[in-house]
Amino acid sequence: MHSFDNMPPVPLTIEGSSVLHQMLRVKWSAWRSLPLAERASMLEEASALAAMEGSAAFSLLGHKGDLMLIHFRSGFEALLETQTKLAHLRLWDYFEVTTSYLSVVEMGLYESTMKTYTTLAEKGIEPHTPEWNGEIEETLVRQREAMAPRIFPEIPPAKFVCFYPMDRRRGETKNWYQLPMAERQRQMHEHGMIGRRYAGLVKQIITGSIGFDDWEWGVDLFADDPLVFKKLIYEMRFDEVSAVYALFGTFYIGQRLDGAGLKNLLTV
């Protein structure tokens, strides 16, 4: 019989939609220099851009850009098709992509992982054997079916978005990845309980980006009142997993734009 301590340290995850964030700056001088008729023609492309299924446009606040586009697709091929389609728009010549972020919707299954690993250990099944892999895949199939609406979500219709990437600390004295799985599960449970208190006020979508981009996860928060972002993130700063192990990247705050709003942004 094998103890749980000998089981793999990696929690199971299920993945869903592929996600691309694009942060854009308008080339205002070049745009303003265009004849009015030419600008008016391209503004129709702006309406189509804002209405793309599975995508949303946001007007960014601050100096980090003018627009943020968020695309949820079935896979990387569909994301590349969207990216190429946008690049072929005449309007795109007047945008500068300042940065982007590539990831997939991800759910970590700490609780299911511990139950599954423990059951397999009690059965004496060796990790990574065909029997082990079969049992793991059965667990993942059940979880994917049960969580399908959460791993293939629609972009919430909220008025504001807050996006930021983040890592777990991997320093010499504090290394998230060297903690026992049970301890990581405990800390993540406490972390999640804070988020639950904001249910109804904010919708959170976590995406995994290890191997895809420069950070490990991306976080999208959607709310009608942007003050909720500050309150939620500030409260989370005090829990252990954030206070000790979290590293945060650049924050982007945007207000949602429909087709008319995007046209108004570009009307000068």
C-alpha atoms as a PDB file:
ATOM      1  CA  MET A   1       0.000   0.000   0.000  1.00  0.00           C
ATOM      2  CA  HIS A   2       1.236   3.499  -0.827  1.00  0.00           C
ATOM      3  CA  SER A   3       0.933   6.556   1.359  1.00  0.00           C
ATOM      4  CA  PHE A   4      -0.533   9.777   0.028  1.00  0.00           C
ATOM      5  CA  ASP A   5       2.850  11.429   0.533  1.00  0.00           C
ATOM      6  CA  ASN A   6       4.207   9.336  -2.329  1.00  0.00           C
ATOM      7  CA  MET A   7       1.541  10.438  -4.747  1.00  0.00           C
ATOM      8  CA  PRO A   8       2.230  13.038  -7.480  1.00  0.00           C
ATOM      9  CA  PRO A   9       2.318  16.630  -6.165  1.00  0.00           C
ATOM     10  CA  VAL A  10       0.466  18.051  -9.155  1.00  0.00           C
ATOM     11  CA  PRO A  11      -3.282  18.715  -8.703  1.00  0.00           C
ATOM     12  CA  LEU A  12      -5.597  17.695 -11.505  1.00  0.00           C
ATOM     13  CA  THR A  13      -7.044  20.463 -13.645  1.00  0.00           C
ATOM     14  CA  ILE A  14      -9.719  20.686 -16.296  1.00  0.00           C
ATOM     15  CA  GLU A  15      -9.494  23.173 -19.129  1.00  0.00           C
ATOM     16  CA  GLY A  16     -12.066  24.773 -21.384  1.00  0.00           C
ATOM     17  CA  SER A  17     -12.185  27.873 -23.567  1.00  0.00           C
ATOM     18  CA  SER A  18      -9.025  29.289 -25.087  1.00  0.00           C
ATOM     19  CA  VAL A  19      -8.699  32.994 -24.283  1.00  0.00           C
ATOM     20  CA  LEU A  20      -6.819  35.885 -25.857  1.00  0.00           C
ATOM     21  CA  HIS A  21      -6.608  39.381 -24.394  1.00  0.00           C
ATOM     22  CA  GLN A  22      -5.415  42.128 -26.743  1.00  0.00           C
ATOM     23  CA  MET A  23      -4.516  45.576 -25.424  1.00  0.00           C
ATOM     24  CA  LEU A  24      -4.574  48.236 -28.123  1.00  0.00           C
ATOM     25  CA  ARG A  25      -3.554  51.835 -28.535  1.00  0.00           C
ATOM     26  CA  VAL A  26      -5.208  53.970 -31.212  1.00  0.00           C
ATOM     27  CA  LYS A  27      -2.769  55.709 -33.568  1.00  0.00           C
ATOM     28  CA  TRP A  28      -4.631  58.954 -33.108  1.00  0.00           C
ATOM     29  CA  SER A  29      -2.503  61.176 -35.360  1.00  0.00           C
ATOM     30  CA  ALA A  30      -2.771  58.806 -38.293  1.00  0.00           C
ATOM     31  CA  TRP A  31      -6.466  58.254 -37.634  1.00  0.00           C
ATOM     32  CA  ARG A  32      -7.299  61.966 -37.452  1.00  0.00           C
ATOM     33  CA  SER A  33      -5.427  62.640 -40.672  1.00  0.00           C
ATOM     34  CA  LEU A  34      -7.778  60.406 -42.662  1.00  0.00           C
ATOM     35  CA  PRO A  35     -10.565  61.988 -44.739  1.00  0.00           C
ATOM     36  CA  LEU A  36     -13.917  61.933 -42.976  1.00  0.00           C
ATOM     37  CA  ALA A  37     -15.490  59.617 -45.555  1.00  0.00           C
ATOM     38  CA  GLU A  38     -12.719  57.066 -45.159  1.00  0.00           C
ATOM     39  CA  ARG A  39     -13.010  57.167 -41.377  1.00  0.00           C
ATOM     40  CA  ALA A  40     -16.788  56.761 -41.593  1.00  0.00           C
ATOM     41  CA  SER A  41     -16.357  53.698 -43.781  1.00  0.00           C
ATOM     42  CA  MET A  42     -13.972  52.052 -41.338  1.00  0.00           C
ATOM     43  CA  LEU A  43     -16.203  52.864 -38.370  1.00  0.00           C
ATOM     44  CA  GLU A  44     -18.603  50.249 -39.714  1.00  0.00           C
ATOM     45  CA  GLU A  45     -15.807  47.727 -39.127  1.00  0.00           C
ATOM     46  CA  ALA A  46     -15.707  48.919 -35.525  1.00  0.00           C
ATOM     47  CA  SER A  47     -19.355  47.952 -35.077  1.00  0.00           C
ATOM     48  CA  ALA A  48     -18.680  44.503 -36.486  1.00  0.00           C
ATOM     49  CA  LEU A  49     -15.621  44.116 -34.255  1.00  0.00           C
ATOM     50  CA  ALA A  50     -17.593  44.886 -31.096  1.00  0.00           C
ATOM     51  CA  ALA A  51     -20.331  42.460 -32.129  1.00  0.00           C
ATOM     52  CA  MET A  52     -18.064  39.437 -32.695  1.00  0.00           C
ATOM     53  CA  GLU A  53     -19.545  36.350 -31.019  1.00  0.00           C
ATOM     54  CA  GLY A  54     -17.440  35.225 -28.068  1.00  0.00           C
ATOM     55  CA  SER A  55     -15.597  38.549 -27.908  1.00  0.00           C
ATOM     56  CA  ALA A  56     -15.987  41.777 -25.965  1.00  0.00           C
ATOM     57  CA  ALA A  57     -14.464  45.244 -26.267  1.00  0.00           C
ATOM     58  CA  PHE A  58     -13.556  47.486 -23.345  1.00  0.00           C
ATOM     59  CA  SER A  59     -12.364  51.088 -23.211  1.00  0.00           C
ATOM     60  CA  LEU A  60      -9.287  51.143 -20.973  1.00  0.00           C
ATOM     61  CA  LEU A  61      -8.808  53.727 -18.242  1.00  0.00           C
ATOM     62  CA  GLY A  62      -5.322  55.154 -17.800  1.00  0.00           C
ATOM     63  CA  HIS A  63      -2.195  55.236 -19.948  1.00  0.00           C
ATOM     64  CA  LYS A  64      -1.822  51.496 -20.701  1.00  0.00           C
ATOM     65  CA  GLY A  65      -3.933  51.596 -23.843  1.00  0.00           C
ATOM     66  CA  ASP A  66      -7.211  52.704 -25.366  1.00  0.00           C
ATOM     67  CA  LEU A  67      -8.908  49.357 -25.893  1.00  0.00           C
ATOM     68  CA  MET A  68      -8.869  45.816 -24.582  1.00  0.00           C
ATOM     69  CA  LEU A  69     -10.400  43.035 -26.625  1.00  0.00           C
ATOM     70  CA  ILE A  70     -11.196  39.715 -24.937  1.00  0.00           C
ATOM     71  CA  HIS A  71     -11.822  36.645 -27.078  1.00  0.00           C
ATOM     72  CA  PHE A  72     -13.165  33.316 -25.787  1.00  0.00           C
ATOM     73  CA  ARG A  73     -12.903  30.522 -28.368  1.00  0.00           C
ATOM     74  CA  SER A  74     -13.075  26.730 -28.578  1.00  0.00           C
ATOM     75  CA  GLY A  75      -9.334  26.336 -29.131  1.00  0.00           C
ATOM     76  CA  PHE A  76      -6.095  27.967 -30.206  1.00  0.00           C
ATOM     77  CA  GLU A  77      -6.918  27.433 -33.878  1.00  0.00           C
ATOM     78  CA  ALA A  78     -10.080  29.485 -33.483  1.00  0.00           C
ATOM     79  CA  LEU A  79      -8.147  32.179 -31.608  1.00  0.00           C
ATOM     80  CA  LEU A  80      -5.590  32.389 -34.403  1.00  0.00           C
ATOM     81  CA  GLU A  81      -8.397  32.654 -36.937  1.00  0.00           C
ATOM     82  CA  THR A  82      -9.879  35.551 -34.960  1.00  0.00           C
ATOM     83  CA  GLN A  83      -6.499  37.261 -34.594  1.00  0.00           C
ATOM     84  CA  THR A  84      -5.872  36.947 -38.345  1.00  0.00           C
ATOM     85  CA  LYS A  85      -9.352  38.186 -39.211  1.00  0.00           C
ATOM     86  CA  LEU A  86      -8.818  41.284 -37.097  1.00  0.00           C
ATOM     87  CA  ALA A  87      -5.385  41.931 -38.591  1.00  0.00           C
ATOM     88  CA  HIS A  88      -7.001  42.015 -42.055  1.00  0.00           C
ATOM     89  CA  LEU A  89      -9.382  44.839 -41.120  1.00  0.00           C
ATOM     90  CA  ARG A  90      -8.497  48.232 -42.584  1.00  0.00           C
ATOM     91  CA  LEU A  91      -9.221  49.678 -39.155  1.00  0.00           C
ATOM     92  CA  TRP A  92      -6.490  47.496 -37.635  1.00  0.00           C
ATOM     93  CA  ASP A  93      -3.828  49.606 -39.389  1.00  0.00           C
ATOM     94  CA  TYR A  94      -4.716  52.364 -36.934  1.00  0.00           C
ATOM     95  CA  PHE A  95      -4.305  50.211 -33.823  1.00  0.00           C
ATOM     96  CA  GLU A  96      -1.054  49.310 -32.090  1.00  0.00           C
ATOM     97  CA  VAL A  97      -1.124  46.127 -30.004  1.00  0.00           C
ATOM     98  CA  THR A  98       0.722  47.164 -26.840  1.00  0.00           C
ATOM     99  CA  THR A  99       0.542  43.714 -25.243  1.00  0.00           C
ATOM    100  CA  SER A 100      -1.519  40.547 -25.260  1.00  0.00           C
ATOM    101  CA  TYR A 101      -2.202  37.552 -23.034  1.00  0.00           C
ATOM    102  CA  LEU A 102      -2.863  33.946 -24.038  1.00  0.00           C
ATOM    103  CA  SER A 103      -4.430  31.401 -21.688  1.00  0.00           C
ATOM    104  CA  VAL A 104      -7.141  28.765 -21.238  1.00  0.00           C
ATOM    105  CA  VAL A 105     -10.022  28.692 -18.778  1.00  0.00           C
ATOM    106  CA  GLU A 106      -8.844  26.441 -15.952  1.00  0.00           C
ATOM    107  CA  MET A 107     -10.318  24.872 -12.843  1.00  0.00           C
ATOM    108  CA  GLY A 108      -8.022  23.342 -10.241  1.00  0.00           C
ATOM    109  CA  LEU A 109      -9.434  20.172  -8.677  1.00  0.00           C
ATOM    110  CA  TYR A 110      -7.636  20.013  -5.336  1.00  0.00           C
ATOM    111  CA  GLU A 111     -10.437  18.238  -3.488  1.00  0.00           C
ATOM    112  CA  SER A 112     -11.128  15.727  -6.261  1.00  0.00           C
ATOM    113  CA  THR A 113      -7.406  15.156  -6.723  1.00  0.00           C
ATOM    114  CA  MET A 114      -6.849  14.280  -3.077  1.00  0.00           C
ATOM    115  CA  LYS A 115      -9.836  11.922  -3.021  1.00  0.00           C
ATOM    116  CA  THR A 116      -8.790  10.219  -6.259  1.00  0.00           C
ATOM    117  CA  TYR A 117      -5.113   9.899  -5.334  1.00  0.00           C
ATOM    118  CA  THR A 118      -6.028   8.523  -1.897  1.00  0.00           C
ATOM    119  CA  THR A 119      -8.392   5.939  -3.389  1.00  0.00           C
ATOM    120  CA  LEU A 120      -5.775   4.830  -5.906  1.00  0.00           C
ATOM    121  CA  ALA A 121      -3.128   4.592  -3.175  1.00  0.00           C
ATOM    122  CA  GLU A 122      -5.439   2.463  -1.033  1.00  0.00           C
ATOM    123  CA  LYS A 123      -5.916   0.127  -4.004  1.00  0.00           C
ATOM    124  CA  GLY A 124      -2.137  -0.137  -4.399  1.00  0.00           C
ATOM    125  CA  ILE A 125      -2.216   1.313  -7.913  1.00  0.00           C
ATOM    126  CA  GLU A 126       1.157   2.726  -8.934  1.00  0.00           C
ATOM    127  CA  PRO A 127       1.213   6.316 -10.235  1.00  0.00           C
ATOM    128  CA  HIS A 128       1.390   6.766 -14.019  1.00  0.00           C
ATOM    129  CA  THR A 129       0.673   3.124 -14.849  1.00  0.00           C
ATOM    130  CA  PRO A 130      -2.014   2.387 -17.478  1.00  0.00           C
ATOM    131  CA  GLU A 131      -4.498   1.528 -14.703  1.00  0.00           C
ATOM    132  CA  TRP A 132      -3.665   4.760 -12.863  1.00  0.00           C
ATOM    133  CA  ASN A 133      -3.991   6.848 -16.032  1.00  0.00           C
ATOM    134  CA  GLY A 134      -7.342   5.243 -16.826  1.00  0.00           C
ATOM    135  CA  GLU A 135      -8.758   6.055 -13.387  1.00  0.00           C
ATOM    136  CA  ILE A 136      -7.495   9.632 -13.622  1.00  0.00           C
ATOM    137  CA  GLU A 137      -9.054  10.128 -17.045  1.00  0.00           C
ATOM    138  CA  GLU A 138     -12.406   8.832 -15.771  1.00  0.00           C
ATOM    139  CA  THR A 139     -12.280  11.426 -13.005  1.00  0.00           C
ATOM    140  CA  LEU A 140     -11.449  14.193 -15.475  1.00  0.00           C
ATOM    141  CA  VAL A 141     -14.229  13.173 -17.851  1.00  0.00           C
ATOM    142  CA  ARG A 142     -16.793  13.338 -15.031  1.00  0.00           C
ATOM    143  CA  GLN A 143     -15.503  16.718 -13.891  1.00  0.00           C
ATOM    144  CA  ARG A 144     -15.490  18.162 -17.417  1.00  0.00           C
ATOM    145  CA  GLU A 145     -19.110  17.113 -17.914  1.00  0.00           C
ATOM    146  CA  ALA A 146     -20.201  18.493 -14.542  1.00  0.00           C
ATOM    147  CA  MET A 147     -18.294  21.758 -14.931  1.00  0.00           C
ATOM    148  CA  ALA A 148     -18.924  22.398 -18.649  1.00  0.00           C
ATOM    149  CA  PRO A 149     -20.804  25.699 -18.087  1.00  0.00           C
ATOM    150  CA  ARG A 150     -17.925  26.977 -15.939  1.00  0.00           C
ATOM    151  CA  ILE A 151     -15.047  25.969 -18.194  1.00  0.00           C
ATOM    152  CA  PHE A 152     -16.807  27.132 -21.378  1.00  0.00           C
ATOM    153  CA  PRO A 153     -18.368  30.357 -20.055  1.00  0.00           C
ATOM    154  CA  GLU A 154     -19.871  33.254 -21.905  1.00  0.00           C
ATOM    155  CA  ILE A 155     -18.239  36.615 -21.293  1.00  0.00           C
ATOM    156  CA  PRO A 156     -20.341  38.197 -18.528  1.00  0.00           C
ATOM    157  CA  PRO A 157     -22.345  41.267 -19.606  1.00  0.00           C
ATOM    158  CA  ALA A 158     -21.104  43.393 -16.685  1.00  0.00           C
ATOM    159  CA  LYS A 159     -20.185  47.029 -17.319  1.00  0.00           C
ATOM    160  CA  PHE A 160     -16.572  46.849 -16.080  1.00  0.00           C
ATOM    161  CA  VAL A 161     -13.699  44.378 -16.245  1.00  0.00           C
ATOM    162  CA  CYS A 162     -10.493  44.040 -14.244  1.00  0.00           C
ATOM    163  CA  PHE A 163      -7.805  41.825 -15.782  1.00  0.00           C
ATOM    164  CA  TYR A 164      -4.429  40.945 -14.283  1.00  0.00           C
ATOM    165  CA  PRO A 165      -1.898  38.115 -14.537  1.00  0.00           C
ATOM    166  CA  MET A 166      -0.317  36.493 -11.497  1.00  0.00           C
ATOM    167  CA  ASP A 167       2.203  33.909 -10.283  1.00  0.00           C
ATOM    168  CA  ARG A 168       2.738  31.810  -7.194  1.00  0.00           C
ATOM    169  CA  ARG A 169       6.017  32.617  -5.454  1.00  0.00           C
ATOM    170  CA  ARG A 170       8.925  30.268  -6.198  1.00  0.00           C
ATOM    171  CA  GLY A 171      11.649  31.944  -4.109  1.00  0.00           C
ATOM    172  CA  GLU A 172      14.340  30.405  -1.948  1.00  0.00           C
ATOM    173  CA  THR A 173      12.411  30.696   1.309  1.00  0.00           C
ATOM    174  CA  LYS A 174       8.796  30.705   0.088  1.00  0.00           C
ATOM    175  CA  ASN A 175       7.974  28.245  -2.676  1.00  0.00           C
ATOM    176  CA  TRP A 176       4.339  27.412  -3.338  1.00  0.00           C
ATOM    177  CA  TYR A 177       5.252  24.360  -5.378  1.00  0.00           C
ATOM    178  CA  GLN A 178       7.119  22.726  -2.514  1.00  0.00           C
ATOM    179  CA  LEU A 179       4.164  22.828  -0.115  1.00  0.00           C
ATOM    180  CA  PRO A 180       2.331  19.530   0.464  1.00  0.00           C
ATOM    181  CA  MET A 181      -0.825  19.257  -1.613  1.00  0.00           C
ATOM    182  CA  ALA A 182      -3.046  19.127   1.479  1.00  0.00           C
ATOM    183  CA  GLU A 183      -1.622  22.460   2.632  1.00  0.00           C
ATOM    184  CA  ARG A 184      -2.097  24.039  -0.786  1.00  0.00           C
ATOM    185  CA  GLN A 185      -5.673  22.749  -0.821  1.00  0.00           C
ATOM    186  CA  ARG A 186      -6.349  24.255   2.605  1.00  0.00           C
ATOM    187  CA  GLN A 187      -5.028  27.666   1.597  1.00  0.00           C
ATOM    188  CA  MET A 188      -6.900  27.692  -1.702  1.00  0.00           C
ATOM    189  CA  HIS A 189     -10.130  26.763   0.087  1.00  0.00           C
ATOM    190  CA  GLU A 190      -9.749  29.723   2.455  1.00  0.00           C
ATOM    191  CA  HIS A 191      -8.939  31.944  -0.512  1.00  0.00           C
ATOM    192  CA  GLY A 192     -12.058  30.782  -2.347  1.00  0.00           C
ATOM    193  CA  MET A 193     -14.299  31.453   0.625  1.00  0.00           C
ATOM    194  CA  ILE A 194     -13.526  35.168   0.342  1.00  0.00           C
ATOM    195  CA  GLY A 195     -14.598  35.184  -3.286  1.00  0.00           C
ATOM    196  CA  ARG A 196     -17.861  33.469  -2.425  1.00  0.00           C
ATOM    197  CA  ARG A 197     -18.823  36.387  -0.214  1.00  0.00           C
ATOM    198  CA  TYR A 198     -18.827  38.562  -3.349  1.00  0.00           C
ATOM    199  CA  ALA A 199     -21.142  36.265  -5.307  1.00  0.00           C
ATOM    200  CA  GLY A 200     -23.687  38.330  -7.180  1.00  0.00           C
ATOM    201  CA  LEU A 201     -21.420  41.384  -7.198  1.00  0.00           C
ATOM    202  CA  VAL A 202     -18.495  40.082  -9.236  1.00  0.00           C
ATOM    203  CA  LYS A 203     -17.972  37.243 -11.703  1.00  0.00           C
ATOM    204  CA  GLN A 204     -14.482  35.739 -11.719  1.00  0.00           C
ATOM    205  CA  ILE A 205     -12.934  33.705 -14.530  1.00  0.00           C
ATOM    206  CA  ILE A 206      -9.517  32.124 -13.933  1.00  0.00           C
ATOM    207  CA  THR A 207      -7.365  31.143 -16.878  1.00  0.00           C
ATOM    208  CA  GLY A 208      -4.173  29.095 -16.847  1.00  0.00           C
ATOM    209  CA  SER A 209      -1.178  30.310 -18.830  1.00  0.00           C
ATOM    210  CA  ILE A 210       1.767  28.157 -17.713  1.00  0.00           C
ATOM    211  CA  GLY A 211       3.645  27.394 -20.915  1.00  0.00           C
ATOM    212  CA  PHE A 212       1.518  29.880 -22.872  1.00  0.00           C
ATOM    213  CA  ASP A 213       2.529  33.311 -21.550  1.00  0.00           C
ATOM    214  CA  ASP A 214       4.862  35.083 -19.128  1.00  0.00           C
ATOM    215  CA  TRP A 215       2.752  34.557 -16.008  1.00  0.00           C
ATOM    216  CA  GLU A 216       1.086  31.460 -14.591  1.00  0.00           C
ATOM    217  CA  TRP A 217      -2.545  32.556 -14.443  1.00  0.00           C
ATOM    218  CA  GLY A 218      -4.785  35.309 -15.726  1.00  0.00           C
ATOM    219  CA  VAL A 219      -7.705  36.655 -13.712  1.00  0.00           C
ATOM    220  CA  ASP A 220     -10.754  38.400 -15.159  1.00  0.00           C
ATOM    221  CA  LEU A 221     -13.195  40.060 -12.786  1.00  0.00           C
ATOM    222  CA  PHE A 222     -16.480  41.406 -14.151  1.00  0.00           C
ATOM    223  CA  ALA A 223     -18.729  43.772 -12.197  1.00  0.00           C
ATOM    224  CA  ASP A 224     -21.105  46.685 -12.681  1.00  0.00           C
ATOM    225  CA  ASP A 225     -19.395  48.658  -9.901  1.00  0.00           C
ATOM    226  CA  PRO A 226     -15.595  48.881 -10.321  1.00  0.00           C
ATOM    227  CA  LEU A 227     -15.176  49.638  -6.612  1.00  0.00           C
ATOM    228  CA  VAL A 228     -15.917  45.953  -5.999  1.00  0.00           C
ATOM    229  CA  PHE A 229     -12.558  45.078  -7.618  1.00  0.00           C
ATOM    230  CA  LYS A 230     -10.687  47.087  -5.007  1.00  0.00           C
ATOM    231  CA  LYS A 231     -12.656  45.673  -2.099  1.00  0.00           C
ATOM    232  CA  LEU A 232     -12.342  42.047  -3.219  1.00  0.00           C
ATOM    233  CA  ILE A 233      -8.648  42.156  -4.120  1.00  0.00           C
ATOM    234  CA  TYR A 234      -7.773  44.116  -0.978  1.00  0.00           C
ATOM    235  CA  GLU A 235      -9.569  41.616   1.252  1.00  0.00           C
ATOM    236  CA  MET A 236      -7.838  38.738  -0.508  1.00  0.00           C
ATOM    237  CA  ARG A 237      -4.454  40.348   0.179  1.00  0.00           C
ATOM    238  CA  PHE A 238      -4.874  39.343   3.836  1.00  0.00           C
ATOM    239  CA  ASP A 239      -5.366  35.631   3.299  1.00  0.00           C
ATOM    240  CA  GLU A 240      -2.314  33.404   3.521  1.00  0.00           C
ATOM    241  CA  VAL A 241      -2.024  32.267  -0.070  1.00  0.00           C
ATOM    242  CA  SER A 242      -2.029  35.867  -1.345  1.00  0.00           C
ATOM    243  CA  ALA A 243      -0.045  37.477   1.463  1.00  0.00           C
ATOM    244  CA  VAL A 244       2.771  34.913   1.325  1.00  0.00           C
ATOM    245  CA  TYR A 245       2.770  33.322  -2.125  1.00  0.00           C
ATOM    246  CA  ALA A 246       1.142  35.673  -4.658  1.00  0.00           C
ATOM    247  CA  LEU A 247       2.913  37.865  -7.203  1.00  0.00           C
ATOM    248  CA  PHE A 248       0.832  40.172  -9.397  1.00  0.00           C
ATOM    249  CA  GLY A 249       1.382  41.638 -12.846  1.00  0.00           C
ATOM    250  CA  THR A 250      -0.110  44.686 -14.523  1.00  0.00           C
ATOM    251  CA  PHE A 251      -3.758  45.522 -13.847  1.00  0.00           C
ATOM    252  CA  TYR A 252      -6.104  46.658 -16.630  1.00  0.00           C
ATOM    253  CA  ILE A 253      -9.488  48.265 -15.957  1.00  0.00           C
ATOM    254  CA  GLY A 254     -11.964  48.755 -18.764  1.00  0.00           C
ATOM    255  CA  GLN A 255     -15.539  49.817 -19.400  1.00  0.00           C
ATOM    256  CA  ARG A 256     -17.532  47.682 -21.806  1.00  0.00           C
ATOM    257  CA  LEU A 257     -18.236  49.019 -25.288  1.00  0.00           C
ATOM    258  CA  ASP A 258     -20.954  47.957 -27.683  1.00  0.00           C
ATOM    259  CA  GLY A 259     -20.739  48.773 -31.373  1.00  0.00           C
ATOM    260  CA  ALA A 260     -22.039  52.295 -30.872  1.00  0.00           C
ATOM    261  CA  GLY A 261     -19.657  52.906 -28.006  1.00  0.00           C
ATOM    262  CA  LEU A 262     -16.630  51.798 -30.024  1.00  0.00           C
ATOM    263  CA  LYS A 263     -17.697  54.028 -32.904  1.00  0.00           C
ATOM    264  CA  ASN A 264     -18.098  56.948 -30.508  1.00  0.00           C
ATOM    265  CA  LEU A 265     -14.610  56.346 -29.109  1.00  0.00           C
ATOM    266  CA  LEU A 266     -13.158  56.658 -32.613  1.00  0.00           C
ATOM    267  CA  THR A 267     -15.304  59.569 -33.748  1.00  0.00           C
ATOM    268  CA  VAL A 268     -13.163  62.708 -33.708  1.00  0.00           C
END
